[in-house]
Amino acid sequence: MAKDPERRDLFPGTLEIMILQSLRLRPMHGYALVKHIKQASDSLLEVEEGSLYPALQRMLKAGWLESEVGTSAKGRPTRIFRPTAAGIRHLEREVSSFEKMFTGITRVLATAKA
């Protein structure tokens, strides 16, 4: 299948930022995270489950998330994720770094137009 030219890969670390920020709002299970990110981005971003679940496992291992067994809206057992204090600190550092990088990119693009 040809790759959609409108779709781009995320910058490294962006998925983790979106997961942590989303879970900062409220604890969620994986599928709810996928739906939240899609809805919050007005469908500009779609996270594939094949990317999400490995990221969640990496984040659990890093100590940025914790999880507990819960129940989905359909009554099925599911894993509910929430950020840890270390995860919130990581999020704040990464957002600051991302904002600086975005500012630099914006400045370069602005000079290219001048």
PDB file of N, CA and C in Angstrom:
ATOM      1  N   MET A   1       0.840  -1.171   0.000  1.00  0.00           N
ATOM      2  CA  MET A   1       0.000   0.000   0.000  1.00  0.00           C
ATOM      3  C   MET A   1       0.890   1.240   0.000  1.00  0.00           C
ATOM      4  N   ALA A   2       0.564   2.217  -0.833  1.00  0.00           N
ATOM      5  CA  ALA A   2       1.340   3.451  -0.915  1.00  0.00           C
ATOM      6  C   ALA A   2       1.120   4.285   0.343  1.00  0.00           C
ATOM      7  N   LYS A   3       2.178   4.912   0.780  1.00  0.00           N
ATOM      8  CA  LYS A   3       2.090   5.745   1.981  1.00  0.00           C
ATOM      9  C   LYS A   3       1.366   7.042   1.645  1.00  0.00           C
ATOM     10  N   ASP A   4       0.445   7.432   2.495  1.00  0.00           N
ATOM     11  CA  ASP A   4      -0.320   8.662   2.325  1.00  0.00           C
ATOM     12  C   ASP A   4       0.623   9.849   2.524  1.00  0.00           C
ATOM     13  N   PRO A   5       0.771  10.723   1.499  1.00  0.00           N
ATOM     14  CA  PRO A   5       1.702  11.853   1.632  1.00  0.00           C
ATOM     15  C   PRO A   5       1.261  12.864   2.697  1.00  0.00           C
ATOM     16  N   GLU A   6       0.002  12.843   3.101  1.00  0.00           N
ATOM     17  CA  GLU A   6      -0.482  13.747   4.141  1.00  0.00           C
ATOM     18  C   GLU A   6      -0.113  13.256   5.533  1.00  0.00           C
ATOM     19  N   ARG A   7       0.272  12.005   5.646  1.00  0.00           N
ATOM     20  CA  ARG A   7       0.627  11.425   6.946  1.00  0.00           C
ATOM     21  C   ARG A   7       2.120  11.539   7.147  1.00  0.00           C
ATOM     22  N   ARG A   8       2.502  11.957   8.312  1.00  0.00           N
ATOM     23  CA  ARG A   8       3.913  12.085   8.660  1.00  0.00           C
ATOM     24  C   ARG A   8       4.175  11.328   9.956  1.00  0.00           C
ATOM     25  N   ASP A   9       5.405  10.855  10.087  1.00  0.00           N
ATOM     26  CA  ASP A   9       5.803  10.236  11.344  1.00  0.00           C
ATOM     27  C   ASP A   9       5.945  11.330  12.388  1.00  0.00           C
ATOM     28  N   LEU A  10       5.741  10.969  13.642  1.00  0.00           N
ATOM     29  CA  LEU A  10       5.882  11.914  14.736  1.00  0.00           C
ATOM     30  C   LEU A  10       7.356  12.154  15.039  1.00  0.00           C
ATOM     31  N   PHE A  11       7.667  13.321  15.580  1.00  0.00           N
ATOM     32  CA  PHE A  11       9.006  13.582  16.073  1.00  0.00           C
ATOM     33  C   PHE A  11       9.283  12.588  17.203  1.00  0.00           C
ATOM     34  N   PRO A  12      10.539  12.185  17.385  1.00  0.00           N
ATOM     35  CA  PRO A  12      10.854  11.277  18.495  1.00  0.00           C
ATOM     36  C   PRO A  12      10.393  11.866  19.833  1.00  0.00           C
ATOM     37  N   GLY A  13       9.759  11.038  20.638  1.00  0.00           N
ATOM     38  CA  GLY A  13       9.281  11.468  21.942  1.00  0.00           C
ATOM     39  C   GLY A  13       7.883  12.069  21.950  1.00  0.00           C
ATOM     40  N   THR A  14       7.353  12.374  20.777  1.00  0.00           N
ATOM     41  CA  THR A  14       6.045  13.026  20.703  1.00  0.00           C
ATOM     42  C   THR A  14       4.928  12.116  21.195  1.00  0.00           C
ATOM     43  N   LEU A  15       4.992  10.844  20.861  1.00  0.00           N
ATOM     44  CA  LEU A  15       3.953   9.912  21.302  1.00  0.00           C
ATOM     45  C   LEU A  15       3.915   9.865  22.834  1.00  0.00           C
ATOM     46  N   GLU A  16       5.087   9.804  23.447  1.00  0.00           N
ATOM     47  CA  GLU A  16       5.150   9.769  24.902  1.00  0.00           C
ATOM     48  C   GLU A  16       4.568  11.044  25.509  1.00  0.00           C
ATOM     49  N   ILE A  17       4.860  12.194  24.901  1.00  0.00           N
ATOM     50  CA  ILE A  17       4.303  13.466  25.383  1.00  0.00           C
ATOM     51  C   ILE A  17       2.778  13.432  25.307  1.00  0.00           C
ATOM     52  N   MET A  18       2.249  12.969  24.184  1.00  0.00           N
ATOM     53  CA  MET A  18       0.789  12.932  24.024  1.00  0.00           C
ATOM     54  C   MET A  18       0.143  11.961  25.000  1.00  0.00           C
ATOM     55  N   ILE A  19       0.785  10.824  25.231  1.00  0.00           N
ATOM     56  CA  ILE A  19       0.251   9.844  26.183  1.00  0.00           C
ATOM     57  C   ILE A  19       0.239  10.438  27.593  1.00  0.00           C
ATOM     58  N   LEU A  20       1.365  10.994  28.014  1.00  0.00           N
ATOM     59  CA  LEU A  20       1.449  11.543  29.366  1.00  0.00           C
ATOM     60  C   LEU A  20       0.485  12.711  29.567  1.00  0.00           C
ATOM     61  N   GLN A  21       0.392  13.596  28.573  1.00  0.00           N
ATOM     62  CA  GLN A  21      -0.520  14.732  28.702  1.00  0.00           C
ATOM     63  C   GLN A  21      -1.966  14.252  28.760  1.00  0.00           C
ATOM     64  N   SER A  22      -2.308  13.286  27.942  1.00  0.00           N
ATOM     65  CA  SER A  22      -3.672  12.748  27.940  1.00  0.00           C
ATOM     66  C   SER A  22      -4.005  12.095  29.281  1.00  0.00           C
ATOM     67  N   LEU A  23      -3.060  11.317  29.799  1.00  0.00           N
ATOM     68  CA  LEU A  23      -3.297  10.631  31.076  1.00  0.00           C
ATOM     69  C   LEU A  23      -3.254  11.591  32.257  1.00  0.00           C
ATOM     70  N   ARG A  24      -2.624  12.731  32.061  1.00  0.00           N
ATOM     71  CA  ARG A  24      -2.620  13.757  33.117  1.00  0.00           C
ATOM     72  C   ARG A  24      -4.042  14.284  33.330  1.00  0.00           C
ATOM     73  N   LEU A  25      -4.818  14.299  32.252  1.00  0.00           N
ATOM     74  CA  LEU A  25      -6.206  14.756  32.338  1.00  0.00           C
ATOM     75  C   LEU A  25      -7.056  13.768  33.114  1.00  0.00           C
ATOM     76  N   ARG A  26      -6.865  12.471  32.789  1.00  0.00           N
ATOM     77  CA  ARG A  26      -7.602  11.411  33.487  1.00  0.00           C
ATOM     78  C   ARG A  26      -6.980  10.058  33.136  1.00  0.00           C
ATOM     79  N   PRO A  27      -7.009   9.116  34.058  1.00  0.00           N
ATOM     80  CA  PRO A  27      -6.508   7.771  33.755  1.00  0.00           C
ATOM     81  C   PRO A  27      -7.347   7.142  32.636  1.00  0.00           C
ATOM     82  N   MET A  28      -6.714   6.392  31.762  1.00  0.00           N
ATOM     83  CA  MET A  28      -7.412   5.775  30.627  1.00  0.00           C
ATOM     84  C   MET A  28      -6.783   4.436  30.285  1.00  0.00           C
ATOM     85  N   HIS A  29      -7.539   3.628  29.560  1.00  0.00           N
ATOM     86  CA  HIS A  29      -7.001   2.404  28.974  1.00  0.00           C
ATOM     87  C   HIS A  29      -6.535   2.735  27.558  1.00  0.00           C
ATOM     88  N   GLY A  30      -5.846   1.809  26.933  1.00  0.00           N
ATOM     89  CA  GLY A  30      -5.222   2.048  25.637  1.00  0.00           C
ATOM     90  C   GLY A  30      -6.165   2.540  24.562  1.00  0.00           C
ATOM     91  N   TYR A  31      -7.296   1.875  24.383  1.00  0.00           N
ATOM     92  CA  TYR A  31      -8.223   2.261  23.319  1.00  0.00           C
ATOM     93  C   TYR A  31      -8.766   3.668  23.560  1.00  0.00           C
ATOM     94  N   ALA A  32      -9.038   4.001  24.827  1.00  0.00           N
ATOM     95  CA  ALA A  32      -9.507   5.358  25.137  1.00  0.00           C
ATOM     96  C   ALA A  32      -8.434   6.386  24.802  1.00  0.00           C
ATOM     97  N   LEU A  33      -7.161   6.042  24.998  1.00  0.00           N
ATOM     98  CA  LEU A  33      -6.069   6.940  24.628  1.00  0.00           C
ATOM     99  C   LEU A  33      -6.057   7.201  23.124  1.00  0.00           C
ATOM    100  N   VAL A  34      -6.193   6.126  22.346  1.00  0.00           N
ATOM    101  CA  VAL A  34      -6.229   6.259  20.887  1.00  0.00           C
ATOM    102  C   VAL A  34      -7.356   7.208  20.474  1.00  0.00           C
ATOM    103  N   LYS A  35      -8.538   7.000  21.029  1.00  0.00           N
ATOM    104  CA  LYS A  35      -9.690   7.845  20.697  1.00  0.00           C
ATOM    105  C   LYS A  35      -9.472   9.289  21.150  1.00  0.00           C
ATOM    106  N   HIS A  36      -8.925   9.469  22.362  1.00  0.00           N
ATOM    107  CA  HIS A  36      -8.707  10.819  22.886  1.00  0.00           C
ATOM    108  C   HIS A  36      -7.734  11.612  22.008  1.00  0.00           C
ATOM    109  N   ILE A  37      -6.617  10.998  21.638  1.00  0.00           N
ATOM    110  CA  ILE A  37      -5.620  11.693  20.818  1.00  0.00           C
ATOM    111  C   ILE A  37      -6.203  12.052  19.462  1.00  0.00           C
ATOM    112  N   LYS A  38      -6.953  11.151  18.863  1.00  0.00           N
ATOM    113  CA  LYS A  38      -7.584  11.438  17.576  1.00  0.00           C
ATOM    114  C   LYS A  38      -8.577  12.596  17.708  1.00  0.00           C
ATOM    115  N   GLN A  39      -9.418  12.543  18.737  1.00  0.00           N
ATOM    116  CA  GLN A  39     -10.426  13.586  18.934  1.00  0.00           C
ATOM    117  C   GLN A  39      -9.772  14.923  19.280  1.00  0.00           C
ATOM    118  N   ALA A  40      -8.807  14.923  20.183  1.00  0.00           N
ATOM    119  CA  ALA A  40      -8.163  16.170  20.612  1.00  0.00           C
ATOM    120  C   ALA A  40      -7.407  16.839  19.467  1.00  0.00           C
ATOM    121  N   SER A  41      -6.939  16.050  18.506  1.00  0.00           N
ATOM    122  CA  SER A  41      -6.196  16.601  17.359  1.00  0.00           C
ATOM    123  C   SER A  41      -7.097  16.867  16.154  1.00  0.00           C
ATOM    124  N   ASP A  42      -8.405  16.813  16.352  1.00  0.00           N
ATOM    125  CA  ASP A  42      -9.361  16.961  15.244  1.00  0.00           C
ATOM    126  C   ASP A  42      -9.041  15.997  14.107  1.00  0.00           C
ATOM    127  N   SER A  43      -8.701  14.777  14.466  1.00  0.00           N
ATOM    128  CA  SER A  43      -8.392  13.679  13.543  1.00  0.00           C
ATOM    129  C   SER A  43      -7.133  13.906  12.715  1.00  0.00           C
ATOM    130  N   LEU A  44      -6.295  14.865  13.111  1.00  0.00           N
ATOM    131  CA  LEU A  44      -5.025  15.065  12.409  1.00  0.00           C
ATOM    132  C   LEU A  44      -4.002  14.014  12.809  1.00  0.00           C
ATOM    133  N   LEU A  45      -4.151  13.465  14.004  1.00  0.00           N
ATOM    134  CA  LEU A  45      -3.226  12.445  14.498  1.00  0.00           C
ATOM    135  C   LEU A  45      -3.990  11.180  14.830  1.00  0.00           C
ATOM    136  N   GLU A  46      -3.499  10.075  14.303  1.00  0.00           N
ATOM    137  CA  GLU A  46      -4.088   8.774  14.620  1.00  0.00           C
ATOM    138  C   GLU A  46      -2.966   7.863  15.086  1.00  0.00           C
ATOM    139  N   VAL A  47      -3.072   7.423  16.303  1.00  0.00           N
ATOM    140  CA  VAL A  47      -2.062   6.536  16.881  1.00  0.00           C
ATOM    141  C   VAL A  47      -2.513   5.103  16.640  1.00  0.00           C
ATOM    142  N   GLU A  48      -1.645   4.345  16.022  1.00  0.00           N
ATOM    143  CA  GLU A  48      -1.933   2.936  15.782  1.00  0.00           C
ATOM    144  C   GLU A  48      -1.692   2.152  17.065  1.00  0.00           C
ATOM    145  N   GLU A  49      -2.525   1.159  17.307  1.00  0.00           N
ATOM    146  CA  GLU A  49      -2.354   0.339  18.505  1.00  0.00           C
ATOM    147  C   GLU A  49      -0.994  -0.352  18.506  1.00  0.00           C
ATOM    148  N   GLY A  50      -0.463  -0.649  17.318  1.00  0.00           N
ATOM    149  CA  GLY A  50       0.857  -1.275  17.207  1.00  0.00           C
ATOM    150  C   GLY A  50       1.981  -0.363  17.667  1.00  0.00           C
ATOM    151  N   SER A  51       1.745   0.934  17.731  1.00  0.00           N
ATOM    152  CA  SER A  51       2.717   1.890  18.274  1.00  0.00           C
ATOM    153  C   SER A  51       2.410   2.202  19.731  1.00  0.00           C
ATOM    154  N   LEU A  52       1.125   2.269  20.057  1.00  0.00           N
ATOM    155  CA  LEU A  52       0.715   2.675  21.392  1.00  0.00           C
ATOM    156  C   LEU A  52       1.141   1.681  22.467  1.00  0.00           C
ATOM    157  N   TYR A  53       0.809   0.417  22.285  1.00  0.00           N
ATOM    158  CA  TYR A  53       1.060  -0.551  23.348  1.00  0.00           C
ATOM    159  C   TYR A  53       2.546  -0.766  23.644  1.00  0.00           C
ATOM    160  N   PRO A  54       3.426  -0.811  22.637  1.00  0.00           N
ATOM    161  CA  PRO A  54       4.859  -0.864  22.971  1.00  0.00           C
ATOM    162  C   PRO A  54       5.326   0.398  23.715  1.00  0.00           C
ATOM    163  N   ALA A  55       4.774   1.560  23.342  1.00  0.00           N
ATOM    164  CA  ALA A  55       5.137   2.801  24.042  1.00  0.00           C
ATOM    165  C   ALA A  55       4.672   2.745  25.495  1.00  0.00           C
ATOM    166  N   LEU A  56       3.478   2.250  25.727  1.00  0.00           N
ATOM    167  CA  LEU A  56       2.979   2.125  27.103  1.00  0.00           C
ATOM    168  C   LEU A  56       3.882   1.201  27.922  1.00  0.00           C
ATOM    169  N   GLN A  57       4.318   0.103  27.319  1.00  0.00           N
ATOM    170  CA  GLN A  57       5.199  -0.832  28.031  1.00  0.00           C
ATOM    171  C   GLN A  57       6.547  -0.184  28.350  1.00  0.00           C
ATOM    172  N   ARG A  58       7.108   0.571  27.385  1.00  0.00           N
ATOM    173  CA  ARG A  58       8.373   1.277  27.633  1.00  0.00           C
ATOM    174  C   ARG A  58       8.212   2.283  28.769  1.00  0.00           C
ATOM    175  N   MET A  59       7.075   2.970  28.780  1.00  0.00           N
ATOM    176  CA  MET A  59       6.829   4.003  29.780  1.00  0.00           C
ATOM    177  C   MET A  59       6.599   3.400  31.164  1.00  0.00           C
ATOM    178  N   LEU A  60       5.951   2.238  31.220  1.00  0.00           N
ATOM    179  CA  LEU A  60       5.807   1.521  32.494  1.00  0.00           C
ATOM    180  C   LEU A  60       7.183   1.124  33.026  1.00  0.00           C
ATOM    181  N   LYS A  61       8.017   0.586  32.137  1.00  0.00           N
ATOM    182  CA  LYS A  61       9.354   0.139  32.515  1.00  0.00           C
ATOM    183  C   LYS A  61      10.220   1.310  32.982  1.00  0.00           C
ATOM    184  N   ALA A  62      10.040   2.485  32.351  1.00  0.00           N
ATOM    185  CA  ALA A  62      10.810   3.682  32.719  1.00  0.00           C
ATOM    186  C   ALA A  62      10.313   4.302  34.020  1.00  0.00           C
ATOM    187  N   GLY A  63       9.150   3.861  34.487  1.00  0.00           N
ATOM    188  CA  GLY A  63       8.590   4.409  35.722  1.00  0.00           C
ATOM    189  C   GLY A  63       7.770   5.673  35.510  1.00  0.00           C
ATOM    190  N   TRP A  64       7.415   5.978  34.267  1.00  0.00           N
ATOM    191  CA  TRP A  64       6.628   7.177  33.955  1.00  0.00           C
ATOM    192  C   TRP A  64       5.130   6.924  34.089  1.00  0.00           C
ATOM    193  N   LEU A  65       4.744   5.653  34.052  1.00  0.00           N
ATOM    194  CA  LEU A  65       3.335   5.268  34.176  1.00  0.00           C
ATOM    195  C   LEU A  65       3.195   4.185  35.228  1.00  0.00           C
ATOM    196  N   GLU A  66       1.992   4.088  35.750  1.00  0.00           N
ATOM    197  CA  GLU A  66       1.603   2.944  36.559  1.00  0.00           C
ATOM    198  C   GLU A  66       0.262   2.478  36.007  1.00  0.00           C
ATOM    199  N   SER A  67      -0.080   1.249  36.303  1.00  0.00           N
ATOM    200  CA  SER A  67      -1.343   0.732  35.782  1.00  0.00           C
ATOM    201  C   SER A  67      -2.038  -0.109  36.828  1.00  0.00           C
ATOM    202  N   GLU A  68      -3.323  -0.271  36.621  1.00  0.00           N
ATOM    203  CA  GLU A  68      -4.136  -1.136  37.471  1.00  0.00           C
ATOM    204  C   GLU A  68      -5.197  -1.778  36.597  1.00  0.00           C
ATOM    205  N   VAL A  69      -5.716  -2.886  37.055  1.00  0.00           N
ATOM    206  CA  VAL A  69      -6.774  -3.563  36.320  1.00  0.00           C
ATOM    207  C   VAL A  69      -8.074  -2.812  36.583  1.00  0.00           C
ATOM    208  N   GLY A  70      -8.785  -2.517  35.513  1.00  0.00           N
ATOM    209  CA  GLY A  70     -10.065  -1.843  35.621  1.00  0.00           C
ATOM    210  C   GLY A  70     -11.068  -2.507  34.712  1.00  0.00           C
ATOM    211  N   THR A  71     -12.160  -1.825  34.457  1.00  0.00           N
ATOM    212  CA  THR A  71     -13.217  -2.349  33.592  1.00  0.00           C
ATOM    213  C   THR A  71     -13.508  -1.333  32.502  1.00  0.00           C
ATOM    214  N   SER A  72     -13.583  -1.812  31.269  1.00  0.00           N
ATOM    215  CA  SER A  72     -13.895  -0.933  30.151  1.00  0.00           C
ATOM    216  C   SER A  72     -15.376  -0.564  30.175  1.00  0.00           C
ATOM    217  N   ALA A  73     -15.761   0.376  29.304  1.00  0.00           N
ATOM    218  CA  ALA A  73     -17.167   0.790  29.201  1.00  0.00           C
ATOM    219  C   ALA A  73     -18.062  -0.387  28.821  1.00  0.00           C
ATOM    220  N   LYS A  74     -17.474  -1.382  28.159  1.00  0.00           N
ATOM    221  CA  LYS A  74     -18.251  -2.559  27.757  1.00  0.00           C
ATOM    222  C   LYS A  74     -18.198  -3.666  28.802  1.00  0.00           C
ATOM    223  N   GLY A  75     -17.642  -3.351  29.980  1.00  0.00           N
ATOM    224  CA  GLY A  75     -17.617  -4.325  31.062  1.00  0.00           C
ATOM    225  C   GLY A  75     -16.492  -5.339  30.997  1.00  0.00           C
ATOM    226  N   ARG A  76     -15.538  -5.129  30.127  1.00  0.00           N
ATOM    227  CA  ARG A  76     -14.417  -6.067  29.998  1.00  0.00           C
ATOM    228  C   ARG A  76     -13.262  -5.625  30.880  1.00  0.00           C
ATOM    229  N   PRO A  77     -12.491  -6.594  31.388  1.00  0.00           N
ATOM    230  CA  PRO A  77     -11.308  -6.207  32.166  1.00  0.00           C
ATOM    231  C   PRO A  77     -10.296  -5.525  31.247  1.00  0.00           C
ATOM    232  N   THR A  78      -9.680  -4.483  31.750  1.00  0.00           N
ATOM    233  CA  THR A  78      -8.711  -3.740  30.965  1.00  0.00           C
ATOM    234  C   THR A  78      -7.669  -3.132  31.889  1.00  0.00           C
ATOM    235  N   ARG A  79      -6.606  -2.662  31.325  1.00  0.00           N
ATOM    236  CA  ARG A  79      -5.529  -2.049  32.093  1.00  0.00           C
ATOM    237  C   ARG A  79      -5.681  -0.530  32.011  1.00  0.00           C
ATOM    238  N   ILE A  80      -5.786   0.123  33.144  1.00  0.00           N
ATOM    239  CA  ILE A  80      -5.944   1.572  33.218  1.00  0.00           C
ATOM    240  C   ILE A  80      -4.580   2.174  33.566  1.00  0.00           C
ATOM    241  N   PHE A  81      -4.157   3.160  32.786  1.00  0.00           N
ATOM    242  CA  PHE A  81      -2.851   3.784  32.965  1.00  0.00           C
ATOM    243  C   PHE A  81      -2.995   5.173  33.563  1.00  0.00           C
ATOM    244  N   ARG A  82      -2.006   5.555  34.364  1.00  0.00           N
ATOM    245  CA  ARG A  82      -1.943   6.917  34.923  1.00  0.00           C
ATOM    246  C   ARG A  82      -0.468   7.292  35.041  1.00  0.00           C
ATOM    247  N   PRO A  83      -0.156   8.579  34.921  1.00  0.00           N
ATOM    248  CA  PRO A  83       1.247   8.995  35.037  1.00  0.00           C
ATOM    249  C   PRO A  83       1.716   8.978  36.489  1.00  0.00           C
ATOM    250  N   THR A  84       2.975   8.696  36.687  1.00  0.00           N
ATOM    251  CA  THR A  84       3.587   8.789  38.005  1.00  0.00           C
ATOM    252  C   THR A  84       4.159  10.205  38.167  1.00  0.00           C
ATOM    253  N   ALA A  85       4.637  10.524  39.350  1.00  0.00           N
ATOM    254  CA  ALA A  85       5.293  11.828  39.564  1.00  0.00           C
ATOM    255  C   ALA A  85       6.503  11.959  38.636  1.00  0.00           C
ATOM    256  N   ALA A  86       7.237  10.870  38.453  1.00  0.00           N
ATOM    257  CA  ALA A  86       8.383  10.892  37.539  1.00  0.00           C
ATOM    258  C   ALA A  86       7.915  11.127  36.099  1.00  0.00           C
ATOM    259  N   GLY A  87       6.770  10.567  35.748  1.00  0.00           N
ATOM    260  CA  GLY A  87       6.211  10.771  34.410  1.00  0.00           C
ATOM    261  C   GLY A  87       5.816  12.218  34.177  1.00  0.00           C
ATOM    262  N   ILE A  88       5.242  12.862  35.179  1.00  0.00           N
ATOM    263  CA  ILE A  88       4.863  14.276  35.061  1.00  0.00           C
ATOM    264  C   ILE A  88       6.119  15.140  34.912  1.00  0.00           C
ATOM    265  N   ARG A  89       7.158  14.851  35.690  1.00  0.00           N
ATOM    266  CA  ARG A  89       8.414  15.606  35.560  1.00  0.00           C
ATOM    267  C   ARG A  89       8.998  15.421  34.160  1.00  0.00           C
ATOM    268  N   HIS A  90       8.973  14.182  33.669  1.00  0.00           N
ATOM    269  CA  HIS A  90       9.475  13.911  32.314  1.00  0.00           C
ATOM    270  C   HIS A  90       8.651  14.691  31.284  1.00  0.00           C
ATOM    271  N   LEU A  91       7.339  14.683  31.433  1.00  0.00           N
ATOM    272  CA  LEU A  91       6.459  15.413  30.518  1.00  0.00           C
ATOM    273  C   LEU A  91       6.826  16.898  30.495  1.00  0.00           C
ATOM    274  N   GLU A  92       6.989  17.494  31.647  1.00  0.00           N
ATOM    275  CA  GLU A  92       7.290  18.926  31.708  1.00  0.00           C
ATOM    276  C   GLU A  92       8.619  19.250  31.045  1.00  0.00           C
ATOM    277  N   ARG A  93       9.631  18.408  31.233  1.00  0.00           N
ATOM    278  CA  ARG A  93      10.933  18.617  30.574  1.00  0.00           C
ATOM    279  C   ARG A  93      10.800  18.474  29.061  1.00  0.00           C
ATOM    280  N   GLU A  94      10.079  17.440  28.630  1.00  0.00           N
ATOM    281  CA  GLU A  94       9.939  17.183  27.200  1.00  0.00           C
ATOM    282  C   GLU A  94       9.121  18.271  26.499  1.00  0.00           C
ATOM    283  N   VAL A  95       8.071  18.763  27.145  1.00  0.00           N
ATOM    284  CA  VAL A  95       7.264  19.832  26.553  1.00  0.00           C
ATOM    285  C   VAL A  95       8.115  21.089  26.397  1.00  0.00           C
ATOM    286  N   SER A  96       8.909  21.411  27.396  1.00  0.00           N
ATOM    287  CA  SER A  96       9.792  22.582  27.320  1.00  0.00           C
ATOM    288  C   SER A  96      10.779  22.429  26.160  1.00  0.00           C
ATOM    289  N   SER A  97      11.366  21.265  26.045  1.00  0.00           N
ATOM    290  CA  SER A  97      12.313  20.995  24.961  1.00  0.00           C
ATOM    291  C   SER A  97      11.618  21.072  23.601  1.00  0.00           C
ATOM    292  N   PHE A  98      10.438  20.484  23.499  1.00  0.00           N
ATOM    293  CA  PHE A  98       9.680  20.503  22.248  1.00  0.00           C
ATOM    294  C   PHE A  98       9.318  21.933  21.855  1.00  0.00           C
ATOM    295  N   GLU A  99       8.897  22.746  22.837  1.00  0.00           N
ATOM    296  CA  GLU A  99       8.534  24.134  22.545  1.00  0.00           C
ATOM    297  C   GLU A  99       9.731  24.916  22.023  1.00  0.00           C
ATOM    298  N   LYS A 100      10.912  24.688  22.592  1.00  0.00           N
ATOM    299  CA  LYS A 100      12.127  25.359  22.104  1.00  0.00           C
ATOM    300  C   LYS A 100      12.437  24.930  20.671  1.00  0.00           C
ATOM    301  N   MET A 101      12.337  23.628  20.401  1.00  0.00           N
ATOM    302  CA  MET A 101      12.598  23.135  19.060  1.00  0.00           C
ATOM    303  C   MET A 101      11.593  23.724  18.074  1.00  0.00           C
ATOM    304  N   PHE A 102      10.323  23.766  18.451  1.00  0.00           N
ATOM    305  CA  PHE A 102       9.287  24.309  17.580  1.00  0.00           C
ATOM    306  C   PHE A 102       9.540  25.793  17.301  1.00  0.00           C
ATOM    307  N   THR A 103       9.973  26.534  18.325  1.00  0.00           N
ATOM    308  CA  THR A 103      10.298  27.951  18.141  1.00  0.00           C
ATOM    309  C   THR A 103      11.424  28.100  17.124  1.00  0.00           C
ATOM    310  N   GLY A 104      12.442  27.277  17.231  1.00  0.00           N
ATOM    311  CA  GLY A 104      13.550  27.332  16.275  1.00  0.00           C
ATOM    312  C   GLY A 104      13.106  27.013  14.858  1.00  0.00           C
ATOM    313  N   ILE A 105      12.289  25.993  14.696  1.00  0.00           N
ATOM    314  CA  ILE A 105      11.778  25.633  13.369  1.00  0.00           C
ATOM    315  C   ILE A 105      10.952  26.779  12.803  1.00  0.00           C
ATOM    316  N   THR A 106      10.092  27.362  13.634  1.00  0.00           N
ATOM    317  CA  THR A 106       9.246  28.467  13.189  1.00  0.00           C
ATOM    318  C   THR A 106      10.100  29.650  12.725  1.00  0.00           C
ATOM    319  N   ARG A 107      11.169  29.957  13.453  1.00  0.00           N
ATOM    320  CA  ARG A 107      12.050  31.065  13.068  1.00  0.00           C
ATOM    321  C   ARG A 107      12.736  30.794  11.736  1.00  0.00           C
ATOM    322  N   VAL A 108      13.198  29.565  11.533  1.00  0.00           N
ATOM    323  CA  VAL A 108      13.839  29.213  10.262  1.00  0.00           C
ATOM    324  C   VAL A 108      12.842  29.339   9.113  1.00  0.00           C
ATOM    325  N   LEU A 109      11.623  28.862   9.317  1.00  0.00           N
ATOM    326  CA  LEU A 109      10.603  28.963   8.270  1.00  0.00           C
ATOM    327  C   LEU A 109      10.251  30.425   7.983  1.00  0.00           C
ATOM    328  N   ALA A 110      10.221  31.256   9.011  1.00  0.00           N
ATOM    329  CA  ALA A 110       9.908  32.671   8.823  1.00  0.00           C
ATOM    330  C   ALA A 110      10.997  33.381   8.021  1.00  0.00           C
ATOM    331  N   THR A 111      12.266  33.048   8.269  1.00  0.00           N
ATOM    332  CA  THR A 111      13.351  33.690   7.511  1.00  0.00           C
ATOM    333  C   THR A 111      13.382  33.198   6.074  1.00  0.00           C
ATOM    334  N   ALA A 112      12.949  31.980   5.858  1.00  0.00           N
ATOM    335  CA  ALA A 112      12.916  31.445   4.497  1.00  0.00           C
ATOM    336  C   ALA A 112      11.868  32.180   3.649  1.00  0.00           C
ATOM    337  N   LYS A 113      10.828  32.726   4.273  1.00  0.00           N
ATOM    338  CA  LYS A 113       9.785  33.443   3.559  1.00  0.00           C
ATOM    339  C   LYS A 113      10.169  34.888   3.280  1.00  0.00           C
ATOM    340  N   ALA A 114      11.087  35.421   4.077  1.00  0.00           N
ATOM    341  CA  ALA A 114      11.460  36.839   3.963  1.00  0.00           C
ATOM    342  C   ALA A 114      12.278  37.119   2.737  1.00  0.00           C
TER     343      ALA A 114
END
